């Protein structure tokens, strides 16, 4: 998988195929009935939208394909969804939580 980088930073674009690195796990916490992102020495609590996006980040789908799936699922304009997905994933990539 090719990563688009600028000075060591992953730049997420429509063709990026995002995935969670092996040291991160998205899990459902049944006791608290919420999703958590388990990182070394951290537990993050993504919101419902972030969980929907992260579930689709398998390294096979592009950001464009992820946005299309979510636009269909939520009956929303694909360009709006894609912009939101790009913003979310870029923020996560900047923190090292997403690879591409």
PDB file of N, CA and C in Angstrom:
ATOM      1  N   UNK A   1       0.824  -1.179   0.000  1.00  0.00           N
ATOM      2  CA  UNK A   1       0.000   0.000   0.000  1.00  0.00           C
ATOM      3  C   UNK A   1       0.872   1.248   0.000  1.00  0.00           C
ATOM      4  N   UNK A   2       0.593   2.131  -0.885  1.00  0.00           N
ATOM      5  CA  UNK A   2       1.352   3.376  -0.961  1.00  0.00           C
ATOM      6  C   UNK A   2       0.754   4.389  -0.001  1.00  0.00           C
ATOM      7  N   UNK A   3       1.624   5.087   0.680  1.00  0.00           N
ATOM      8  CA  UNK A   3       1.181   6.146   1.581  1.00  0.00           C
ATOM      9  C   UNK A   3       1.617   7.478   0.996  1.00  0.00           C
ATOM     10  N   UNK A   4       0.705   8.431   0.957  1.00  0.00           N
ATOM     11  CA  UNK A   4       1.054   9.781   0.538  1.00  0.00           C
ATOM     12  C   UNK A   4       1.545  10.507   1.778  1.00  0.00           C
ATOM     13  N   UNK A   5       2.786  10.973   1.732  1.00  0.00           N
ATOM     14  CA  UNK A   5       3.374  11.609   2.905  1.00  0.00           C
ATOM     15  C   UNK A   5       3.933  12.968   2.556  1.00  0.00           C
ATOM     16  N   UNK A   6       3.846  13.858   3.507  1.00  0.00           N
ATOM     17  CA  UNK A   6       4.459  15.174   3.397  1.00  0.00           C
ATOM     18  C   UNK A   6       5.259  15.384   4.678  1.00  0.00           C
ATOM     19  N   UNK A   7       6.565  15.375   4.542  1.00  0.00           N
ATOM     20  CA  UNK A   7       7.462  15.531   5.696  1.00  0.00           C
ATOM     21  C   UNK A   7       7.127  14.534   6.801  1.00  0.00           C
ATOM     22  N   UNK A   8       6.920  13.262   6.421  1.00  0.00           N
ATOM     23  CA  UNK A   8       6.638  12.219   7.395  1.00  0.00           C
ATOM     24  C   UNK A   8       5.184  12.125   7.810  1.00  0.00           C
ATOM     25  N   UNK A   9       4.335  12.975   7.283  1.00  0.00           N
ATOM     26  CA  UNK A   9       2.916  13.018   7.662  1.00  0.00           C
ATOM     27  C   UNK A   9       2.074  12.357   6.579  1.00  0.00           C
ATOM     28  N   UNK A  10       1.189  11.451   6.961  1.00  0.00           N
ATOM     29  CA  UNK A  10       0.250  10.846   6.019  1.00  0.00           C
ATOM     30  C   UNK A  10      -0.789  11.885   5.632  1.00  0.00           C
ATOM     31  N   UNK A  11      -0.928  12.134   4.343  1.00  0.00           N
ATOM     32  CA  UNK A  11      -1.962  13.041   3.846  1.00  0.00           C
ATOM     33  C   UNK A  11      -3.100  12.169   3.323  1.00  0.00           C
ATOM     34  N   UNK A  12      -4.235  12.240   3.974  1.00  0.00           N
ATOM     35  CA  UNK A  12      -5.388  11.423   3.605  1.00  0.00           C
ATOM     36  C   UNK A  12      -6.132  12.117   2.468  1.00  0.00           C
ATOM     37  N   UNK A  13      -6.340  11.376   1.383  1.00  0.00           N
ATOM     38  CA  UNK A  13      -7.132  11.905   0.274  1.00  0.00           C
ATOM     39  C   UNK A  13      -8.138  10.851  -0.172  1.00  0.00           C
ATOM     40  N   UNK A  14      -8.853  11.127  -1.248  1.00  0.00           N
ATOM     41  CA  UNK A  14      -9.927  10.238  -1.709  1.00  0.00           C
ATOM     42  C   UNK A  14      -9.439   8.823  -2.020  1.00  0.00           C
ATOM     43  N   UNK A  15      -8.194   8.690  -2.457  1.00  0.00           N
ATOM     44  CA  UNK A  15      -7.660   7.392  -2.865  1.00  0.00           C
ATOM     45  C   UNK A  15      -6.941   6.634  -1.750  1.00  0.00           C
ATOM     46  N   UNK A  16      -6.785   7.252  -0.590  1.00  0.00           N
ATOM     47  CA  UNK A  16      -6.149   6.585   0.540  1.00  0.00           C
ATOM     48  C   UNK A  16      -6.984   5.379   0.948  1.00  0.00           C
ATOM     49  N   UNK A  17      -6.298   4.305   1.269  1.00  0.00           N
ATOM     50  CA  UNK A  17      -6.955   3.079   1.757  1.00  0.00           C
ATOM     51  C   UNK A  17      -6.624   2.948   3.254  1.00  0.00           C
ATOM     52  N   UNK A  18      -7.410   3.620   4.097  1.00  0.00           N
ATOM     53  CA  UNK A  18      -7.066   3.683   5.520  1.00  0.00           C
ATOM     54  C   UNK A  18      -7.273   2.358   6.249  1.00  0.00           C
ATOM     55  N   UNK A  19      -6.426   2.151   7.242  1.00  0.00           N
ATOM     56  CA  UNK A  19      -6.563   0.977   8.105  1.00  0.00           C
ATOM     57  C   UNK A  19      -5.974   1.303   9.475  1.00  0.00           C
ATOM     58  N   UNK A  20      -6.398   0.538  10.462  1.00  0.00           N
ATOM     59  CA  UNK A  20      -5.864   0.689  11.813  1.00  0.00           C
ATOM     60  C   UNK A  20      -4.561  -0.091  11.899  1.00  0.00           C
ATOM     61  N   UNK A  21      -3.508   0.504  12.446  1.00  0.00           N
ATOM     62  CA  UNK A  21      -2.261  -0.245  12.618  1.00  0.00           C
ATOM     63  C   UNK A  21      -2.477  -1.385  13.614  1.00  0.00           C
ATOM     64  N   UNK A  22      -1.622  -2.394  13.583  1.00  0.00           N
ATOM     65  CA  UNK A  22      -1.822  -3.581  14.436  1.00  0.00           C
ATOM     66  C   UNK A  22      -1.887  -3.293  15.935  1.00  0.00           C
ATOM     67  N   UNK A  23      -1.297  -2.195  16.379  1.00  0.00           N
ATOM     68  CA  UNK A  23      -1.305  -1.902  17.820  1.00  0.00           C
ATOM     69  C   UNK A  23      -2.597  -1.223  18.284  1.00  0.00           C
ATOM     70  N   UNK A  24      -3.545  -0.978  17.378  1.00  0.00           N
ATOM     71  CA  UNK A  24      -4.838  -0.396  17.744  1.00  0.00           C
ATOM     72  C   UNK A  24      -5.954  -1.398  17.487  1.00  0.00           C
ATOM     73  N   UNK A  25      -6.903  -1.436  18.379  1.00  0.00           N
ATOM     74  CA  UNK A  25      -8.041  -2.354  18.239  1.00  0.00           C
ATOM     75  C   UNK A  25      -9.337  -1.599  18.498  1.00  0.00           C
ATOM     76  N   UNK A  26     -10.294  -1.757  17.596  1.00  0.00           N
ATOM     77  CA  UNK A  26     -11.640  -1.215  17.801  1.00  0.00           C
ATOM     78  C   UNK A  26     -12.474  -2.337  18.399  1.00  0.00           C
ATOM     79  N   UNK A  27     -12.972  -2.121  19.594  1.00  0.00           N
ATOM     80  CA  UNK A  27     -13.721  -3.160  20.311  1.00  0.00           C
ATOM     81  C   UNK A  27     -14.992  -2.579  20.920  1.00  0.00           C
ATOM     82  N   UNK A  28     -15.992  -3.435  21.043  1.00  0.00           N
ATOM     83  CA  UNK A  28     -17.214  -3.033  21.732  1.00  0.00           C
ATOM     84  C   UNK A  28     -17.084  -3.425  23.192  1.00  0.00           C
ATOM     85  N   UNK A  29     -17.264  -2.457  24.083  1.00  0.00           N
ATOM     86  CA  UNK A  29     -17.229  -2.686  25.530  1.00  0.00           C
ATOM     87  C   UNK A  29     -18.659  -3.003  25.956  1.00  0.00           C
ATOM     88  N   UNK A  30     -18.965  -4.280  26.070  1.00  0.00           N
ATOM     89  CA  UNK A  30     -20.328  -4.713  26.374  1.00  0.00           C
ATOM     90  C   UNK A  30     -20.788  -4.218  27.743  1.00  0.00           C
ATOM     91  N   UNK A  31     -19.886  -4.153  28.701  1.00  0.00           N
ATOM     92  CA  UNK A  31     -20.237  -3.700  30.046  1.00  0.00           C
ATOM     93  C   UNK A  31     -20.734  -2.272  30.069  1.00  0.00           C
ATOM     94  N   UNK A  32     -20.171  -1.441  29.226  1.00  0.00           N
ATOM     95  CA  UNK A  32     -20.566  -0.028  29.161  1.00  0.00           C
ATOM     96  C   UNK A  32     -21.400   0.277  27.924  1.00  0.00           C
ATOM     97  N   UNK A  33     -21.608  -0.734  27.082  1.00  0.00           N
ATOM     98  CA  UNK A  33     -22.364  -0.612  25.838  1.00  0.00           C
ATOM     99  C   UNK A  33     -21.879   0.564  24.994  1.00  0.00           C
ATOM    100  N   UNK A  34     -20.570   0.548  24.721  1.00  0.00           N
ATOM    101  CA  UNK A  34     -19.977   1.582  23.874  1.00  0.00           C
ATOM    102  C   UNK A  34     -18.774   0.990  23.151  1.00  0.00           C
ATOM    103  N   UNK A  35     -18.380   1.657  22.080  1.00  0.00           N
ATOM    104  CA  UNK A  35     -17.195   1.259  21.325  1.00  0.00           C
ATOM    105  C   UNK A  35     -15.993   1.989  21.883  1.00  0.00           C
ATOM    106  N   UNK A  36     -14.854   1.302  21.907  1.00  0.00           N
ATOM    107  CA  UNK A  36     -13.609   1.905  22.350  1.00  0.00           C
ATOM    108  C   UNK A  36     -12.513   1.571  21.345  1.00  0.00           C
ATOM    109  N   UNK A  37     -11.556   2.456  21.258  1.00  0.00           N
ATOM    110  CA  UNK A  37     -10.371   2.245  20.445  1.00  0.00           C
ATOM    111  C   UNK A  37      -9.226   2.045  21.433  1.00  0.00           C
ATOM    112  N   UNK A  38      -8.703   0.827  21.457  1.00  0.00           N
ATOM    113  CA  UNK A  38      -7.654   0.483  22.410  1.00  0.00           C
ATOM    114  C   UNK A  38      -6.295   0.747  21.779  1.00  0.00           C
ATOM    115  N   UNK A  39      -5.526   1.602  22.421  1.00  0.00           N
ATOM    116  CA  UNK A  39      -4.181   1.944  21.979  1.00  0.00           C
ATOM    117  C   UNK A  39      -3.237   1.658  23.144  1.00  0.00           C
ATOM    118  N   UNK A  40      -1.948   1.542  22.861  1.00  0.00           N
ATOM    119  CA  UNK A  40      -1.024   1.318  23.976  1.00  0.00           C
ATOM    120  C   UNK A  40      -1.178   2.396  25.050  1.00  0.00           C
ATOM    121  N   UNK A  41      -1.487   1.962  26.239  1.00  0.00           N
ATOM    122  CA  UNK A  41      -1.660   2.831  27.398  1.00  0.00           C
ATOM    123  C   UNK A  41      -2.743   3.881  27.235  1.00  0.00           C
ATOM    124  N   UNK A  42      -3.688   3.661  26.343  1.00  0.00           N
ATOM    125  CA  UNK A  42      -4.797   4.605  26.117  1.00  0.00           C
ATOM    126  C   UNK A  42      -6.054   3.851  25.752  1.00  0.00           C
ATOM    127  N   UNK A  43      -7.173   4.447  26.107  1.00  0.00           N
ATOM    128  CA  UNK A  43      -8.478   3.987  25.638  1.00  0.00           C
ATOM    129  C   UNK A  43      -9.207   5.220  25.139  1.00  0.00           C
ATOM    130  N   UNK A  44      -9.583   5.199  23.872  1.00  0.00           N
ATOM    131  CA  UNK A  44     -10.313   6.310  23.268  1.00  0.00           C
ATOM    132  C   UNK A  44     -11.763   5.902  23.099  1.00  0.00           C
ATOM    133  N   UNK A  45     -12.667   6.860  23.226  1.00  0.00           N
ATOM    134  CA  UNK A  45     -14.099   6.603  23.064  1.00  0.00           C
ATOM    135  C   UNK A  45     -14.610   7.357  21.836  1.00  0.00           C
ATOM    136  N   UNK A  46     -14.529   6.731  20.653  1.00  0.00           N
ATOM    137  CA  UNK A  46     -15.009   7.407  19.451  1.00  0.00           C
ATOM    138  C   UNK A  46     -16.525   7.539  19.465  1.00  0.00           C
ATOM    139  N   UNK A  47     -17.026   8.615  18.829  1.00  0.00           N
ATOM    140  CA  UNK A  47     -18.477   8.764  18.755  1.00  0.00           C
ATOM    141  C   UNK A  47     -19.039   7.798  17.704  1.00  0.00           C
ATOM    142  N   UNK A  48     -20.349   7.770  17.601  1.00  0.00           N
ATOM    143  CA  UNK A  48     -21.040   6.811  16.732  1.00  0.00           C
ATOM    144  C   UNK A  48     -20.612   6.961  15.266  1.00  0.00           C
ATOM    145  N   UNK A  49     -20.421   8.176  14.818  1.00  0.00           N
ATOM    146  CA  UNK A  49     -20.013   8.408  13.422  1.00  0.00           C
ATOM    147  C   UNK A  49     -18.596   7.904  13.203  1.00  0.00           C
ATOM    148  N   UNK A  50     -17.691   8.218  14.121  1.00  0.00           N
ATOM    149  CA  UNK A  50     -16.315   7.745  13.996  1.00  0.00           C
ATOM    150  C   UNK A  50     -16.260   6.220  13.974  1.00  0.00           C
ATOM    151  N   UNK A  51     -17.082   5.574  14.797  1.00  0.00           N
ATOM    152  CA  UNK A  51     -17.132   4.106  14.810  1.00  0.00           C
ATOM    153  C   UNK A  51     -17.576   3.585  13.443  1.00  0.00           C
ATOM    154  N   UNK A  52     -18.604   4.199  12.860  1.00  0.00           N
ATOM    155  CA  UNK A  52     -19.080   3.772  11.536  1.00  0.00           C
ATOM    156  C   UNK A  52     -17.966   3.878  10.501  1.00  0.00           C
ATOM    157  N   UNK A  53     -17.177   4.947  10.565  1.00  0.00           N
ATOM    158  CA  UNK A  53     -16.060   5.132   9.629  1.00  0.00           C
ATOM    159  C   UNK A  53     -14.960   4.112   9.914  1.00  0.00           C
ATOM    160  N   UNK A  54     -14.574   3.973  11.174  1.00  0.00           N
ATOM    161  CA  UNK A  54     -13.481   3.072  11.537  1.00  0.00           C
ATOM    162  C   UNK A  54     -13.785   1.618  11.180  1.00  0.00           C
ATOM    163  N   UNK A  55     -15.030   1.219  11.292  1.00  0.00           N
ATOM    164  CA  UNK A  55     -15.410  -0.154  10.925  1.00  0.00           C
ATOM    165  C   UNK A  55     -15.148  -0.433   9.449  1.00  0.00           C
ATOM    166  N   UNK A  56     -15.159   0.608   8.629  1.00  0.00           N
ATOM    167  CA  UNK A  56     -14.947   0.448   7.186  1.00  0.00           C
ATOM    168  C   UNK A  56     -13.480   0.615   6.782  1.00  0.00           C
ATOM    169  N   UNK A  57     -12.632   0.976   7.710  1.00  0.00           N
ATOM    170  CA  UNK A  57     -11.205   1.189   7.418  1.00  0.00           C
ATOM    171  C   UNK A  57     -10.473  -0.158   7.478  1.00  0.00           C
ATOM    172  N   UNK A  58     -10.514  -0.867   6.365  1.00  0.00           N
ATOM    173  CA  UNK A  58      -9.939  -2.210   6.307  1.00  0.00           C
ATOM    174  C   UNK A  58      -8.678  -2.291   5.450  1.00  0.00           C
ATOM    175  N   UNK A  59      -8.235  -1.157   4.911  1.00  0.00           N
ATOM    176  CA  UNK A  59      -7.060  -1.157   4.053  1.00  0.00           C
ATOM    177  C   UNK A  59      -7.361  -1.554   2.618  1.00  0.00           C
ATOM    178  N   UNK A  60      -8.585  -1.944   2.351  1.00  0.00           N
ATOM    179  CA  UNK A  60      -9.004  -2.334   1.002  1.00  0.00           C
ATOM    180  C   UNK A  60      -9.839  -1.244   0.352  1.00  0.00           C
ATOM    181  N   UNK A  61     -10.740  -0.648   1.131  1.00  0.00           N
ATOM    182  CA  UNK A  61     -11.611   0.411   0.609  1.00  0.00           C
ATOM    183  C   UNK A  61     -10.874   1.744   0.612  1.00  0.00           C
ATOM    184  N   UNK A  62     -11.127   2.534  -0.419  1.00  0.00           N
ATOM    185  CA  UNK A  62     -10.601   3.902  -0.449  1.00  0.00           C
ATOM    186  C   UNK A  62     -11.527   4.799   0.378  1.00  0.00           C
ATOM    187  N   UNK A  63     -11.054   5.979   0.684  1.00  0.00           N
ATOM    188  CA  UNK A  63     -11.889   6.958   1.380  1.00  0.00           C
ATOM    189  C   UNK A  63     -13.142   7.233   0.546  1.00  0.00           C
ATOM    190  N   UNK A  64     -12.984   7.311  -0.756  1.00  0.00           N
ATOM    191  CA  UNK A  64     -14.113   7.548  -1.649  1.00  0.00           C
ATOM    192  C   UNK A  64     -15.153   6.427  -1.524  1.00  0.00           C
ATOM    193  N   UNK A  65     -14.704   5.185  -1.453  1.00  0.00           N
ATOM    194  CA  UNK A  65     -15.622   4.050  -1.302  1.00  0.00           C
ATOM    195  C   UNK A  65     -16.293   4.052   0.077  1.00  0.00           C
ATOM    196  N   UNK A  66     -15.535   4.397   1.107  1.00  0.00           N
ATOM    197  CA  UNK A  66     -16.094   4.489   2.460  1.00  0.00           C
ATOM    198  C   UNK A  66     -17.197   5.544   2.491  1.00  0.00           C
ATOM    199  N   UNK A  67     -16.928   6.700   1.892  1.00  0.00           N
ATOM    200  CA  UNK A  67     -17.918   7.777   1.855  1.00  0.00           C
ATOM    201  C   UNK A  67     -19.174   7.336   1.103  1.00  0.00           C
ATOM    202  N   UNK A  68     -19.016   6.594   0.020  1.00  0.00           N
ATOM    203  CA  UNK A  68     -20.165   6.122  -0.753  1.00  0.00           C
ATOM    204  C   UNK A  68     -21.031   5.171   0.071  1.00  0.00           C
ATOM    205  N   UNK A  69     -20.389   4.269   0.805  1.00  0.00           N
ATOM    206  CA  UNK A  69     -21.136   3.334   1.672  1.00  0.00           C
ATOM    207  C   UNK A  69     -21.925   4.099   2.730  1.00  0.00           C
ATOM    208  N   UNK A  70     -21.272   5.053   3.376  1.00  0.00           N
ATOM    209  CA  UNK A  70     -21.926   5.820   4.439  1.00  0.00           C
ATOM    210  C   UNK A  70     -23.017   6.731   3.890  1.00  0.00           C
ATOM    211  N   UNK A  71     -22.800   7.316   2.715  1.00  0.00           N
ATOM    212  CA  UNK A  71     -23.816   8.183   2.101  1.00  0.00           C
ATOM    213  C   UNK A  71     -25.074   7.387   1.803  1.00  0.00           C
ATOM    214  N   UNK A  72     -24.892   6.171   1.324  1.00  0.00           N
ATOM    215  CA  UNK A  72     -26.051   5.308   1.030  1.00  0.00           C
ATOM    216  C   UNK A  72     -26.742   4.899   2.329  1.00  0.00           C
ATOM    217  N   UNK A  73     -25.952   4.499   3.325  1.00  0.00           N
ATOM    218  CA  UNK A  73     -26.499   4.046   4.608  1.00  0.00           C
ATOM    219  C   UNK A  73     -27.276   5.148   5.321  1.00  0.00           C
ATOM    220  N   UNK A  74     -26.770   6.381   5.264  1.00  0.00           N
ATOM    221  CA  UNK A  74     -27.397   7.490   5.982  1.00  0.00           C
ATOM    222  C   UNK A  74     -28.215   8.407   5.086  1.00  0.00           C
ATOM    223  N   UNK A  75     -28.373   8.042   3.820  1.00  0.00           N
ATOM    224  CA  UNK A  75     -29.134   8.853   2.850  1.00  0.00           C
ATOM    225  C   UNK A  75     -28.689  10.319   2.890  1.00  0.00           C
ATOM    226  N   UNK A  76     -27.381  10.504   2.747  1.00  0.00           N
ATOM    227  CA  UNK A  76     -26.796  11.844   2.803  1.00  0.00           C
ATOM    228  C   UNK A  76     -25.984  12.085   1.534  1.00  0.00           C
ATOM    229  N   UNK A  77     -25.748  13.355   1.192  1.00  0.00           N
ATOM    230  CA  UNK A  77     -24.949  13.662   0.002  1.00  0.00           C
ATOM    231  C   UNK A  77     -23.516  13.136   0.152  1.00  0.00           C
ATOM    232  N   UNK A  78     -23.042  12.424  -0.849  1.00  0.00           N
ATOM    233  CA  UNK A  78     -21.721  11.796  -0.780  1.00  0.00           C
ATOM    234  C   UNK A  78     -20.598  12.823  -0.633  1.00  0.00           C
ATOM    235  N   UNK A  79     -20.740  14.005  -1.231  1.00  0.00           N
ATOM    236  CA  UNK A  79     -19.669  15.004  -1.117  1.00  0.00           C
ATOM    237  C   UNK A  79     -19.544  15.528   0.315  1.00  0.00           C
ATOM    238  N   UNK A  80     -20.666  15.666   1.004  1.00  0.00           N
ATOM    239  CA  UNK A  80     -20.651  16.111   2.404  1.00  0.00           C
ATOM    240  C   UNK A  80     -20.025  15.027   3.283  1.00  0.00           C
ATOM    241  N   UNK A  81     -20.449  13.784   3.072  1.00  0.00           N
ATOM    242  CA  UNK A  81     -19.915  12.658   3.845  1.00  0.00           C
ATOM    243  C   UNK A  81     -18.412  12.534   3.598  1.00  0.00           C
ATOM    244  N   UNK A  82     -18.006  12.629   2.336  1.00  0.00           N
ATOM    245  CA  UNK A  82     -16.589  12.478   2.011  1.00  0.00           C
ATOM    246  C   UNK A  82     -15.745  13.555   2.694  1.00  0.00           C
ATOM    247  N   UNK A  83     -16.216  14.774   2.714  1.00  0.00           N
ATOM    248  CA  UNK A  83     -15.479  15.858   3.383  1.00  0.00           C
ATOM    249  C   UNK A  83     -15.342  15.560   4.877  1.00  0.00           C
ATOM    250  N   UNK A  84     -16.421  15.085   5.501  1.00  0.00           N
ATOM    251  CA  UNK A  84     -16.381  14.754   6.929  1.00  0.00           C
ATOM    252  C   UNK A  84     -15.438  13.587   7.206  1.00  0.00           C
ATOM    253  N   UNK A  85     -15.478  12.571   6.342  1.00  0.00           N
ATOM    254  CA  UNK A  85     -14.618  11.402   6.507  1.00  0.00           C
ATOM    255  C   UNK A  85     -13.149  11.812   6.350  1.00  0.00           C
ATOM    256  N   UNK A  86     -12.863  12.639   5.358  1.00  0.00           N
ATOM    257  CA  UNK A  86     -11.490  13.111   5.168  1.00  0.00           C
ATOM    258  C   UNK A  86     -10.988  13.874   6.396  1.00  0.00           C
ATOM    259  N   UNK A  87     -11.817  14.749   6.945  1.00  0.00           N
ATOM    260  CA  UNK A  87     -11.436  15.515   8.144  1.00  0.00           C
ATOM    261  C   UNK A  87     -11.165  14.579   9.326  1.00  0.00           C
ATOM    262  N   UNK A  88     -12.071  13.642   9.545  1.00  0.00           N
ATOM    263  CA  UNK A  88     -11.932  12.698  10.656  1.00  0.00           C
ATOM    264  C   UNK A  88     -10.656  11.875  10.507  1.00  0.00           C
ATOM    265  N   UNK A  89     -10.462  11.291   9.318  1.00  0.00           N
ATOM    266  CA  UNK A  89      -9.315  10.419   9.117  1.00  0.00           C
ATOM    267  C   UNK A  89      -7.998  11.177   9.134  1.00  0.00           C
ATOM    268  N   UNK A  90      -7.982  12.417   8.644  1.00  0.00           N
ATOM    269  CA  UNK A  90      -6.742  13.193   8.698  1.00  0.00           C
ATOM    270  C   UNK A  90      -6.367  13.478  10.149  1.00  0.00           C
ATOM    271  N   UNK A  91      -7.354  13.817  10.956  1.00  0.00           N
ATOM    272  CA  UNK A  91      -7.083  14.040  12.385  1.00  0.00           C
ATOM    273  C   UNK A  91      -6.545  12.804  13.068  1.00  0.00           C
ATOM    274  N   UNK A  92      -7.112  11.653  12.741  1.00  0.00           N
ATOM    275  CA  UNK A  92      -6.641  10.397  13.325  1.00  0.00           C
ATOM    276  C   UNK A  92      -5.247  10.027  12.798  1.00  0.00           C
ATOM    277  N   UNK A  93      -5.020  10.274  11.506  1.00  0.00           N
ATOM    278  CA  UNK A  93      -3.702   9.988  10.910  1.00  0.00           C
ATOM    279  C   UNK A  93      -2.626  10.868  11.549  1.00  0.00           C
ATOM    280  N   UNK A  94      -2.962  12.116  11.813  1.00  0.00           N
ATOM    281  CA  UNK A  94      -2.004  13.035  12.424  1.00  0.00           C
ATOM    282  C   UNK A  94      -1.584  12.566  13.824  1.00  0.00           C
ATOM    283  N   UNK A  95      -2.459  11.803  14.480  1.00  0.00           N
ATOM    284  CA  UNK A  95      -2.160  11.290  15.814  1.00  0.00           C
ATOM    285  C   UNK A  95      -1.572   9.875  15.756  1.00  0.00           C
ATOM    286  N   UNK A  96      -1.438   9.322  14.539  1.00  0.00           N
ATOM    287  CA  UNK A  96      -0.871   7.992  14.382  1.00  0.00           C
ATOM    288  C   UNK A  96      -1.858   6.856  14.533  1.00  0.00           C
ATOM    289  N   UNK A  97      -3.144   7.165  14.542  1.00  0.00           N
ATOM    290  CA  UNK A  97      -4.172   6.136  14.720  1.00  0.00           C
ATOM    291  C   UNK A  97      -4.649   5.519  13.423  1.00  0.00           C
ATOM    292  N   UNK A  98      -4.274   6.099  12.293  1.00  0.00           N
ATOM    293  CA  UNK A  98      -4.677   5.588  10.976  1.00  0.00           C
ATOM    294  C   UNK A  98      -3.445   5.527  10.083  1.00  0.00           C
ATOM    295  N   UNK A  99      -3.351   4.454   9.347  1.00  0.00           N
ATOM    296  CA  UNK A  99      -2.309   4.312   8.324  1.00  0.00           C
ATOM    297  C   UNK A  99      -3.022   4.246   6.981  1.00  0.00           C
ATOM    298  N   UNK A 100      -2.290   4.391   5.899  1.00  0.00           N
ATOM    299  CA  UNK A 100      -2.928   4.361   4.585  1.00  0.00           C
ATOM    300  C   UNK A 100      -2.028   3.818   3.524  1.00  0.00           C
TER     301      UNK A 100
END
